[in-house]
Amino acid sequence: DMQTDNAMCRKLIVESLVHWVKEYHVDGFRFDLAAMIDLDTVDAITKALQEINPDVVLIGEPWGGGYYNPDLLAEHGWASWNDCFRNSIKGREPQFMDTGFIFGDLWGGKDKHYYTRLFAGFLRGDGGNYQHPSQNVNYLESHDDYTLGDFVRHVTEKYPKDTRTLRKYACQLNTEETQIHKLAALCLLTAQGPVMIAEGQTWGRAKVIENSVGLDANMGKLDHNSYGKDDETNWLDWAEKEQNKDLVDYYRGLIAIRAKFDELRDDQPGFRSFVNGEIDMSWGVKMKKKDEILVLLNGDKFLEATYNLEGSEWIVLANCDHADPNGICEVMGTYTVPIRSGVILVRKTAHTLPLRGAEGPAGSGIPAEPSAVGPIGGEPGDELAPAPDDGPIRLG
């Protein structure tokens, strides 16, 4: 802990940050336990860094020392991690009555309206924490606590708490785990605001406690908080990416879709509207600028959700299996979202190149014949650079 309101302490903090920006061209900072930084120092940091780089990124972890202040950080111009989004989509702890949407629960007794606010920047005027959606950093996993992959392993009881295993077995995702991860990814990449993705999240990384010092009584368990370990527990094994390539490719496709369609990155308040689903665990998000985008979600573990599609044909960009910025298939009339899944649609217009064939059974995501598609959205000939596989990503 530091007494940041001490004049010399504040001077050390500000001058260190200025040095890193000037000499190393660092363009953004994330502040650990930012609730413990006094607000005068927050303002001093902002003023000094914006004089050098007006676009500097300042993100706080909005808790620490018993304090919680995302609203105050937002008032002073900082973004912060949105743990409300994390808890509502994933859950807070992998235990009964504490899990979220991807496990078929509305976390903490919340209702659908609360979730739609999370997908629209979680603004103060709507009962949230932020002045603007650009301050709302959505995430599901960080360096603290369980990885998203291990959270899923516990909740699905693939590995109940205190179960011991080897990393080579834990890291391989089964069908249920992959389904849950894909819904989590689709929620994360379609919510309004910047996105943070942790290292290894794209392949459901496991942190199995290693016994590098020969004294760890918890060897072989999934690690709840591995910040103090400099061993194989925390090291990334890139070979695991190939074991779960289907999920990696799904993330890559979603990131490419978000990069291609401005509507998904638009951070203006009030830009999004919502569609009420027919069951408690379903709703949709509508966005329209150059293209019209429709995201339909269903977190229910047992019931499908059918939505009426307005107007002409729609092109499926992502469904429960695949994500492709060039489109998967065409649908019209209605779309049935399977259990624990979602879909991203773009309305077919004159500037979207048509797909060959229409979709098979309603909502199945199966083209009647193989697709031969060109770019959808943007201008003909637009191409995307290869998307990164993992690591912190700021999109929005």
Foldseek 3Di string as FASTA:
>chain_A
DDPCVPPVNLVVVQVVVLCCCVPVVQQEDEAEQCCNHDVVSVLSNQVSVCVVPVRRAYEYAQHDPHGGALQVSQVSPHAYEDVVLQCALAFDALDPQTGHLLQADRHPPDFVVCVVCQLQQQDVVSVGRHPFSQSYEYEHADLAFAQSLVSLCCNVPVPPFLRFDDQVVSQQDDPSSLLSLLLSLLSQQQGEYWYWFAPPSLRSHFQADDCVVVPDPSHRGTDGHCVPDDDPSPDDDCVSCVSRVQSLQQNQLSVVLLVQDCQSHDTGHPQKDKADWPDRSKIKIWGDDPWIKIKIFASHPPDKIKDADPDDKKFWQDASRHHHQQGQFIDHGMAIHDHSMMTMIIRDDPQAWDWPAHADPHNPSHGPDGTDTFGGHDHGPDDDDRDDSGGTDTGD
